[in-house]
Amino acid sequence: MPRRGQGERVSSAASSPIPGAVPPPPRRRAFLALIGFITIPILVLDQLSKLYIRSHMMLYESIPVIRNFFDITFTQNAGAAFSMFTNLPPWFRGVFLFSLAIAAIVALLVLLAQSDRFTPTSIGFALILAGAGGNLIDRLVRGEVIDFLRVHYYGWNYPIFNVADSAITIGVTLILFAAFFRSDSD
């Protein structure tokens, strides 16, 4: 009977903390980690922040945080990012934005399922998934998205946004940086 040499690896089942259990493959492990450590916490933070704003502020109420630069301002957005599509008929806008969000979520889940490790791109996908999910929940529950983060310089305003929008923006930025600065070995 051949003996196991010192350099040989022990089977994965023998090295598992639970006897007889086999650890998940790297792709599933990476997928679960990205969903569990990035997507779900951001989604929860987004929904809790919107719930807090909705229950503690009146619509269009504004609280200055950094004078002439940053306010918490409670608004609702029936359209997409930057109030796009608000002039479309409500039934069409709802169907269109719902379909777009579902398609994006499915595509992002497929892309994340193919990740076998944490990369800027996979982290970006997980952030975008959280943002798309957070805004989709708003549309399904309230019919509109709650926005409350207002960045401005005196009278010059950036469109009011929320945690989900921030996650989408950061995710897209990570993906773009990864695409521009990718090495040949990646």
Foldseek 3Di string as FASTA:
>chain_A
DDDDDPPDDDDQQVVDPDHRDHDDALLVVQLCCLCVVAQVVLLVVQVVVLVCCVVPHDAQDWADDDPQFKIFGKHWALAPPPNPPVPPPLVVRLVVLLVVLVVLLVVLSVVSSPDSHDDLLNNLSSLLNNLSVNQNVCCVPPVTGIFTIWTGHNPGTDDTHTSSVVSNVSSVVSNVCCVVPPDPVD
